[in-house]
Amino acid sequence: MITVDLKEIKKNFRAAVDYLRSRLDEPIELKGSRARLKRTNAKTAKILLHKLLQLQLEEYRIVIVKSGLIEVHAPKKEKQRNARATQGAKPSAWETIPDL
């Protein structure tokens, strides 16, 4: 039995399950965000999921965690950093006060 964890697909979960149902000749049990495949091996399930992701979700990855568990991972979000000024640091207040 293979368990496919689809929780990171979120809004495309139903489309992924429908795609698997159309390609496999077996019933798929759903429990939460996981789909259980009884007769399919891990390699076949990974290939089918890879084809699905190529068609619809290009940046997602498929990882076989251990025998019997396949996870679909969302792309990692890169942190947005604020743009820095190209000049040096601002002078402190005491440096800008003219000498009297």
C-alpha atoms as a PDB file:
ATOM      1  CA  MET A   1       0.000   0.000   0.000  1.00  0.00           C
ATOM      2  CA  ILE A   2       1.329   3.421  -1.007  1.00  0.00           C
ATOM      3  CA  THR A   3       0.317   6.629   0.761  1.00  0.00           C
ATOM      4  CA  VAL A   4       0.599   9.876  -1.183  1.00  0.00           C
ATOM      5  CA  ASP A   5       0.649  13.060   0.914  1.00  0.00           C
ATOM      6  CA  LEU A   6      -0.881  15.911  -1.108  1.00  0.00           C
ATOM      7  CA  LYS A   7      -1.349  18.545   1.610  1.00  0.00           C
ATOM      8  CA  GLU A   8       1.035  21.084   0.035  1.00  0.00           C
ATOM      9  CA  ILE A   9      -0.913  21.162  -3.240  1.00  0.00           C
ATOM     10  CA  LYS A  10      -3.839  22.783  -1.373  1.00  0.00           C
ATOM     11  CA  LYS A  11      -6.310  24.133  -3.951  1.00  0.00           C
ATOM     12  CA  ASN A  12      -5.233  21.642  -6.663  1.00  0.00           C
ATOM     13  CA  PHE A  13      -5.819  18.620  -4.417  1.00  0.00           C
ATOM     14  CA  ARG A  14      -9.044  17.571  -6.116  1.00  0.00           C
ATOM     15  CA  ALA A  15      -7.468  17.852  -9.582  1.00  0.00           C
ATOM     16  CA  ALA A  16      -4.568  15.650  -8.474  1.00  0.00           C
ATOM     17  CA  VAL A  17      -6.896  12.972  -7.100  1.00  0.00           C
ATOM     18  CA  ASP A  18      -9.028  13.062 -10.267  1.00  0.00           C
ATOM     19  CA  TYR A  19      -5.884  12.681 -12.394  1.00  0.00           C
ATOM     20  CA  LEU A  20      -4.755   9.650 -10.370  1.00  0.00           C
ATOM     21  CA  ARG A  21      -8.226   8.105 -10.617  1.00  0.00           C
ATOM     22  CA  SER A  22      -8.262   8.563 -14.394  1.00  0.00           C
ATOM     23  CA  ARG A  23      -4.846   6.904 -14.804  1.00  0.00           C
ATOM     24  CA  LEU A  24      -5.183   4.022 -12.327  1.00  0.00           C
ATOM     25  CA  ASP A  25      -7.551   1.064 -12.431  1.00  0.00           C
ATOM     26  CA  GLU A  26      -8.032   0.909  -8.689  1.00  0.00           C
ATOM     27  CA  PRO A  27     -10.081   2.738  -6.085  1.00  0.00           C
ATOM     28  CA  ILE A  28      -8.287   5.489  -4.202  1.00  0.00           C
ATOM     29  CA  GLU A  29      -8.991   5.906  -0.498  1.00  0.00           C
ATOM     30  CA  LEU A  30      -8.881   9.494   0.755  1.00  0.00           C
ATOM     31  CA  LYS A  31      -8.170  10.360   4.362  1.00  0.00           C
ATOM     32  CA  GLY A  32      -7.592  14.041   4.958  1.00  0.00           C
ATOM     33  CA  SER A  33      -4.922  15.195   2.530  1.00  0.00           C
ATOM     34  CA  ARG A  34      -3.579  11.695   1.897  1.00  0.00           C
ATOM     35  CA  ALA A  35      -4.479   9.295  -0.874  1.00  0.00           C
ATOM     36  CA  ARG A  36      -3.925   5.569  -0.399  1.00  0.00           C
ATOM     37  CA  LEU A  37      -3.179   3.334  -3.368  1.00  0.00           C
ATOM     38  CA  LYS A  38      -3.411  -0.405  -2.698  1.00  0.00           C
ATOM     39  CA  ARG A  39      -2.061  -2.054  -5.860  1.00  0.00           C
ATOM     40  CA  THR A  40       0.238   0.605  -7.309  1.00  0.00           C
ATOM     41  CA  ASN A  41       3.956   0.568  -6.564  1.00  0.00           C
ATOM     42  CA  ALA A  42       5.919   3.677  -5.526  1.00  0.00           C
ATOM     43  CA  LYS A  43       7.694   4.107  -8.848  1.00  0.00           C
ATOM     44  CA  THR A  44       4.459   4.141 -10.863  1.00  0.00           C
ATOM     45  CA  ALA A  45       2.824   6.586  -8.446  1.00  0.00           C
ATOM     46  CA  LYS A  46       5.844   8.890  -8.595  1.00  0.00           C
ATOM     47  CA  ILE A  47       5.857   8.857 -12.409  1.00  0.00           C
ATOM     48  CA  LEU A  48       2.133   9.671 -12.553  1.00  0.00           C
ATOM     49  CA  LEU A  49       2.500  12.514 -10.053  1.00  0.00           C
ATOM     50  CA  HIS A  50       5.511  13.835 -11.937  1.00  0.00           C
ATOM     51  CA  LYS A  51       3.474  13.931 -15.161  1.00  0.00           C
ATOM     52  CA  LEU A  52       0.669  15.763 -13.346  1.00  0.00           C
ATOM     53  CA  LEU A  53       3.063  18.342 -11.956  1.00  0.00           C
ATOM     54  CA  GLN A  54       4.644  18.896 -15.372  1.00  0.00           C
ATOM     55  CA  LEU A  55       1.225  19.620 -16.822  1.00  0.00           C
ATOM     56  CA  GLN A  56      -0.101  21.925 -14.092  1.00  0.00           C
ATOM     57  CA  LEU A  57       2.303  22.696 -11.251  1.00  0.00           C
ATOM     58  CA  GLU A  58       5.826  23.046 -12.572  1.00  0.00           C
ATOM     59  CA  GLU A  59       7.701  24.080  -9.428  1.00  0.00           C
ATOM     60  CA  TYR A  60       6.478  21.329  -7.088  1.00  0.00           C
ATOM     61  CA  ARG A  61       8.709  18.368  -6.138  1.00  0.00           C
ATOM     62  CA  ILE A  62       7.934  14.721  -5.453  1.00  0.00           C
ATOM     63  CA  VAL A  63       9.865  12.979  -2.670  1.00  0.00           C
ATOM     64  CA  ILE A  64       9.723   9.322  -1.656  1.00  0.00           C
ATOM     65  CA  VAL A  65      10.166   9.644   2.112  1.00  0.00           C
ATOM     66  CA  LYS A  66      10.248   5.929   2.855  1.00  0.00           C
ATOM     67  CA  SER A  67       8.820   2.834   1.299  1.00  0.00           C
ATOM     68  CA  GLY A  68       5.098   3.377   1.181  1.00  0.00           C
ATOM     69  CA  LEU A  69       5.057   7.171   1.628  1.00  0.00           C
ATOM     70  CA  ILE A  70       5.346   9.749  -1.150  1.00  0.00           C
ATOM     71  CA  GLU A  71       5.144  13.494  -0.473  1.00  0.00           C
ATOM     72  CA  VAL A  72       4.548  16.396  -2.836  1.00  0.00           C
ATOM     73  CA  HIS A  73       6.443  19.526  -1.733  1.00  0.00           C
ATOM     74  CA  ALA A  74       5.579  23.087  -2.680  1.00  0.00           C
ATOM     75  CA  PRO A  75       8.323  25.355  -3.991  1.00  0.00           C
ATOM     76  CA  LYS A  76      10.374  27.062  -1.325  1.00  0.00           C
ATOM     77  CA  LYS A  77       9.606  30.726  -0.933  1.00  0.00           C
ATOM     78  CA  GLU A  78      12.608  32.976  -0.967  1.00  0.00           C
ATOM     79  CA  LYS A  79      12.605  35.736   1.594  1.00  0.00           C
ATOM     80  CA  GLN A  80      12.120  39.190   0.159  1.00  0.00           C
ATOM     81  CA  ARG A  81      14.812  41.487   1.404  1.00  0.00           C
ATOM     82  CA  ASN A  82      14.467  45.234   1.474  1.00  0.00           C
ATOM     83  CA  ALA A  83      16.593  47.017  -1.068  1.00  0.00           C
ATOM     84  CA  ARG A  84      19.534  48.744   0.507  1.00  0.00           C
ATOM     85  CA  ALA A  85      20.789  52.151  -0.456  1.00  0.00           C
ATOM     86  CA  THR A  86      23.869  52.008  -2.645  1.00  0.00           C
ATOM     87  CA  GLN A  87      25.584  54.698  -0.586  1.00  0.00           C
ATOM     88  CA  GLY A  88      27.323  54.332   2.750  1.00  0.00           C
ATOM     89  CA  ALA A  89      25.711  54.609   6.166  1.00  0.00           C
ATOM     90  CA  LYS A  90      24.040  57.841   7.215  1.00  0.00           C
ATOM     91  CA  PRO A  91      26.167  60.039   9.467  1.00  0.00           C
ATOM     92  CA  SER A  92      25.113  60.412  13.065  1.00  0.00           C
ATOM     93  CA  ALA A  93      23.661  63.677  14.398  1.00  0.00           C
ATOM     94  CA  TRP A  94      26.852  64.836  16.120  1.00  0.00           C
ATOM     95  CA  GLU A  95      28.773  64.517  12.840  1.00  0.00           C
ATOM     96  CA  THR A  96      26.380  66.796  10.983  1.00  0.00           C
ATOM     97  CA  ILE A  97      26.247  69.678  13.509  1.00  0.00           C
ATOM     98  CA  PRO A  98      28.628  72.433  12.433  1.00  0.00           C
ATOM     99  CA  ASP A  99      31.303  73.579  14.874  1.00  0.00           C
ATOM    100  CA  LEU A 100      30.529  76.892  16.589  1.00  0.00           C
END
